[in-house]
Each structure stands twice: as C-alpha cells, then as structure tokens.
Amino acid sequence: MPYDYDPQNIFAKILRGEIPSQPVLETEHSIAFPDISPQAPTHVLVLPRGPYVCYDHFIAEASEAEILDFTRAVAEVCRMTGLCPGDGKDGYRVLFNSGLHSGQEVPHLHAHVVGGRPLGPLLARD
C-alpha cells in the first residue's frame, strides 16, 4: 500500500530545523523530544528522521539500520526517563497511532513514551 508523506508536517519541519525543539536524545536515524501537550508527567515523542507516515510504512520501507536505531532510541528514552520496571520503577507505555481511527494527528511516525503515574486501561471500555 503506498503512502503519501507530507513534507510540510510539523515533525518534518522540526527535523529540518525550521521549528525549534528541545531534544532529549538524538541519534543518526532518530530524535526524541518532550510532547508539547503532555498527557502524563513523562511524555516524550520519539521519531525516525526518515519520511515515514506510520509504523507499517516504516517497517516496510526503512533500512535495517533505521529500524534498529529507532527501536533502541525508544528503549533509551524509557531508560533515560527513569521509568523502566527492570530498574525497580513503575513502568511506562509506548504508543503508536496509525491512521484516522487511531487519532494520529501528525502524519509522521512517532512513538509516545508515557509514564510517571498510573495510566489506566489502554482503551475505554464500552
């Protein structure tokens, strides 16, 4: 399935340096910075630098190096924020929104790393 990447989306502008950000982590293929509307005490966005709309687009077209770097960047943000259960902490959630029904607001793949309080159920129960 083809994806149309919009190079004018806000994350593309951040990656090009047109909009300032406060990175907490930068790697060859990824960048992470605090969400401007945090939903928890810790809420960090992790983006691949490449032009990928969503997770399945990324997995289908990214290089092995990009996939590995992004995966490790997400893990490093979890460690840096002090949320890892393996370190005796209370945990975190990593969330990807893909497409309209998910609530994806920016058409550039990004992981939300959230934690610092009880997050409740993943989805509202009907």
C-alpha atoms as a PDB file:
ATOM      1  CA  MET A   1       0.000   0.000   0.000  1.00  0.00           C
ATOM      2  CA  PRO A   2       1.514   3.355  -1.000  1.00  0.00           C
ATOM      3  CA  TYR A   3       1.885   6.162   1.499  1.00  0.00           C
ATOM      4  CA  ASP A   4       1.998   9.853   0.672  1.00  0.00           C
ATOM      5  CA  TYR A   5       4.364  11.606   3.037  1.00  0.00           C
ATOM      6  CA  ASP A   6       3.621  15.297   3.589  1.00  0.00           C
ATOM      7  CA  PRO A   7       6.994  17.057   3.899  1.00  0.00           C
ATOM      8  CA  GLN A   8       5.214  20.096   5.379  1.00  0.00           C
ATOM      9  CA  ASN A   9       4.002  18.304   8.517  1.00  0.00           C
ATOM     10  CA  ILE A  10       5.182  19.776  11.821  1.00  0.00           C
ATOM     11  CA  PHE A  11       7.604  16.939  12.588  1.00  0.00           C
ATOM     12  CA  ALA A  12       9.250  17.272   9.171  1.00  0.00           C
ATOM     13  CA  LYS A  13       9.721  20.972   9.913  1.00  0.00           C
ATOM     14  CA  ILE A  14      11.242  20.139  13.317  1.00  0.00           C
ATOM     15  CA  LEU A  15      13.592  17.626  11.696  1.00  0.00           C
ATOM     16  CA  ARG A  16      14.705  20.276   9.177  1.00  0.00           C
ATOM     17  CA  GLY A  17      15.284  22.794  11.991  1.00  0.00           C
ATOM     18  CA  GLU A  18      12.522  25.138  10.814  1.00  0.00           C
ATOM     19  CA  ILE A  19      10.718  24.771  14.154  1.00  0.00           C
ATOM     20  CA  PRO A  20      12.820  24.588  17.322  1.00  0.00           C
ATOM     21  CA  SER A  21      12.641  21.602  19.637  1.00  0.00           C
ATOM     22  CA  GLN A  22      14.416  20.570  22.817  1.00  0.00           C
ATOM     23  CA  PRO A  23      15.798  17.115  22.007  1.00  0.00           C
ATOM     24  CA  VAL A  24      16.393  14.747  24.890  1.00  0.00           C
ATOM     25  CA  LEU A  25      18.045  12.245  22.541  1.00  0.00           C
ATOM     26  CA  GLU A  26      19.485  12.445  19.039  1.00  0.00           C
ATOM     27  CA  THR A  27      20.933   9.555  17.072  1.00  0.00           C
ATOM     28  CA  GLU A  28      21.875   9.051  13.449  1.00  0.00           C
ATOM     29  CA  HIS A  29      18.341   7.978  12.497  1.00  0.00           C
ATOM     30  CA  SER A  30      16.111   9.195  15.362  1.00  0.00           C
ATOM     31  CA  ILE A  31      15.258  12.149  17.557  1.00  0.00           C
ATOM     32  CA  ALA A  32      13.268  12.409  20.794  1.00  0.00           C
ATOM     33  CA  PHE A  33      11.773  15.457  22.489  1.00  0.00           C
ATOM     34  CA  PRO A  34       9.061  16.242  25.064  1.00  0.00           C
ATOM     35  CA  ASP A  35       5.456  16.372  23.824  1.00  0.00           C
ATOM     36  CA  ILE A  36       4.131  19.953  23.853  1.00  0.00           C
ATOM     37  CA  SER A  37       0.813  18.723  25.315  1.00  0.00           C
ATOM     38  CA  PRO A  38       1.913  16.049  27.785  1.00  0.00           C
ATOM     39  CA  GLN A  39      -0.712  13.516  28.859  1.00  0.00           C
ATOM     40  CA  ALA A  40       1.365  12.234  31.804  1.00  0.00           C
ATOM     41  CA  PRO A  41       4.261  13.528  33.929  1.00  0.00           C
ATOM     42  CA  THR A  42       6.615  11.919  31.406  1.00  0.00           C
ATOM     43  CA  HIS A  43       5.560  12.196  27.758  1.00  0.00           C
ATOM     44  CA  VAL A  44       8.331  12.029  25.171  1.00  0.00           C
ATOM     45  CA  LEU A  45       7.959  11.631  21.404  1.00  0.00           C
ATOM     46  CA  VAL A  46      10.467   9.502  19.504  1.00  0.00           C
ATOM     47  CA  LEU A  47      10.645   9.956  15.716  1.00  0.00           C
ATOM     48  CA  PRO A  48      12.665   8.372  12.968  1.00  0.00           C
ATOM     49  CA  ARG A  49      14.379  11.006  10.855  1.00  0.00           C
ATOM     50  CA  GLY A  50      13.158   9.380   7.627  1.00  0.00           C
ATOM     51  CA  PRO A  51       9.864  10.262   5.885  1.00  0.00           C
ATOM     52  CA  TYR A  52       7.578   7.550   7.235  1.00  0.00           C
ATOM     53  CA  VAL A  53       3.855   8.110   7.783  1.00  0.00           C
ATOM     54  CA  CYS A  54       3.172   5.298  10.254  1.00  0.00           C
ATOM     55  CA  TYR A  55       4.598   2.122  11.753  1.00  0.00           C
ATOM     56  CA  ASP A  56       3.702  -0.283   8.934  1.00  0.00           C
ATOM     57  CA  HIS A  57       5.115   2.192   6.382  1.00  0.00           C
ATOM     58  CA  PHE A  58       8.333   2.366   8.426  1.00  0.00           C
ATOM     59  CA  ILE A  59       8.708  -1.408   8.748  1.00  0.00           C
ATOM     60  CA  ALA A  60       8.011  -1.911   5.029  1.00  0.00           C
ATOM     61  CA  GLU A  61      10.447   0.709   3.731  1.00  0.00           C
ATOM     62  CA  ALA A  62      13.047   1.626   6.367  1.00  0.00           C
ATOM     63  CA  SER A  63      16.520   0.159   6.325  1.00  0.00           C
ATOM     64  CA  GLU A  64      17.633  -2.333   8.959  1.00  0.00           C
ATOM     65  CA  ALA A  65      19.857   0.400  10.414  1.00  0.00           C
ATOM     66  CA  GLU A  66      16.920   2.804  10.740  1.00  0.00           C
ATOM     67  CA  ILE A  67      14.694   0.170  12.360  1.00  0.00           C
ATOM     68  CA  LEU A  68      17.366  -0.857  14.843  1.00  0.00           C
ATOM     69  CA  ASP A  69      18.294   2.737  15.676  1.00  0.00           C
ATOM     70  CA  PHE A  70      14.662   3.774  16.220  1.00  0.00           C
ATOM     71  CA  THR A  71      13.915   0.723  18.379  1.00  0.00           C
ATOM     72  CA  ARG A  72      16.968   1.392  20.514  1.00  0.00           C
ATOM     73  CA  ALA A  73      16.106   5.100  20.728  1.00  0.00           C
ATOM     74  CA  VAL A  74      12.667   4.244  22.164  1.00  0.00           C
ATOM     75  CA  ALA A  75      14.316   1.938  24.715  1.00  0.00           C
ATOM     76  CA  GLU A  76      16.892   4.577  25.614  1.00  0.00           C
ATOM     77  CA  VAL A  77      14.183   7.183  26.217  1.00  0.00           C
ATOM     78  CA  CYS A  78      12.443   4.714  28.541  1.00  0.00           C
ATOM     79  CA  ARG A  79      15.718   4.254  30.414  1.00  0.00           C
ATOM     80  CA  MET A  80      16.622   7.976  30.453  1.00  0.00           C
ATOM     81  CA  THR A  81      13.250   8.973  31.854  1.00  0.00           C
ATOM     82  CA  GLY A  82      13.687   6.561  34.757  1.00  0.00           C
ATOM     83  CA  LEU A  83      10.561   4.511  34.079  1.00  0.00           C
ATOM     84  CA  CYS A  84      11.952   1.010  33.441  1.00  0.00           C
ATOM     85  CA  PRO A  85      10.439  -1.737  35.616  1.00  0.00           C
ATOM     86  CA  GLY A  86      13.751  -3.611  35.400  1.00  0.00           C
ATOM     87  CA  ASP A  87      15.296  -0.723  37.315  1.00  0.00           C
ATOM     88  CA  GLY A  88      12.670  -1.013  40.045  1.00  0.00           C
ATOM     89  CA  LYS A  89      10.464   1.726  38.581  1.00  0.00           C
ATOM     90  CA  ASP A  90       6.712   1.663  37.942  1.00  0.00           C
ATOM     91  CA  GLY A  91       6.771   1.294  34.151  1.00  0.00           C
ATOM     92  CA  TYR A  92       5.724   3.112  31.014  1.00  0.00           C
ATOM     93  CA  ARG A  93       3.594   2.805  27.905  1.00  0.00           C
ATOM     94  CA  VAL A  94       4.832   3.099  24.319  1.00  0.00           C
ATOM     95  CA  LEU A  95       2.059   4.031  21.922  1.00  0.00           C
ATOM     96  CA  PHE A  96       1.923   4.382  18.130  1.00  0.00           C
ATOM     97  CA  ASN A  97      -1.126   5.915  16.450  1.00  0.00           C
ATOM     98  CA  SER A  98      -1.553   4.963  12.784  1.00  0.00           C
ATOM     99  CA  GLY A  99      -4.288   6.426  10.617  1.00  0.00           C
ATOM    100  CA  LEU A 100      -7.544   8.270  11.176  1.00  0.00           C
ATOM    101  CA  HIS A 101      -9.300   5.829  13.514  1.00  0.00           C
ATOM    102  CA  SER A 102      -6.308   5.782  15.851  1.00  0.00           C
ATOM    103  CA  GLY A 103      -6.274   9.528  16.374  1.00  0.00           C
ATOM    104  CA  GLN A 104      -2.966  10.095  14.587  1.00  0.00           C
ATOM    105  CA  GLU A 105      -2.611  13.870  14.409  1.00  0.00           C
ATOM    106  CA  VAL A 106       0.722  14.236  12.600  1.00  0.00           C
ATOM    107  CA  PRO A 107       1.402  12.052   9.544  1.00  0.00           C
ATOM    108  CA  HIS A 108       4.973  11.226  10.573  1.00  0.00           C
ATOM    109  CA  LEU A 109       5.679   8.047  12.539  1.00  0.00           C
ATOM    110  CA  HIS A 110       6.246   8.808  16.202  1.00  0.00           C
ATOM    111  CA  ALA A 111       6.181   6.798  19.394  1.00  0.00           C
ATOM    112  CA  HIS A 112       4.710   8.270  22.549  1.00  0.00           C
ATOM    113  CA  VAL A 113       6.637   7.189  25.664  1.00  0.00           C
ATOM    114  CA  VAL A 114       4.391   7.994  28.633  1.00  0.00           C
ATOM    115  CA  GLY A 115       4.594   7.273  32.335  1.00  0.00           C
ATOM    116  CA  GLY A 116       5.079   8.731  35.762  1.00  0.00           C
ATOM    117  CA  ARG A 117       1.576   7.925  37.012  1.00  0.00           C
ATOM    118  CA  PRO A 118      -0.955   5.091  36.710  1.00  0.00           C
ATOM    119  CA  LEU A 119      -2.156   5.220  33.092  1.00  0.00           C
ATOM    120  CA  GLY A 120      -5.327   3.147  33.384  1.00  0.00           C
ATOM    121  CA  PRO A 121      -6.653   0.826  30.705  1.00  0.00           C
ATOM    122  CA  LEU A 122      -5.308   1.135  27.193  1.00  0.00           C
ATOM    123  CA  LEU A 123      -8.761   1.721  25.687  1.00  0.00           C
ATOM    124  CA  ALA A 124     -12.015   2.943  27.144  1.00  0.00           C
ATOM    125  CA  ARG A 125     -14.283   0.045  27.986  1.00  0.00           C
ATOM    126  CA  ASP A 126     -17.759   0.182  26.480  1.00  0.00           C
END
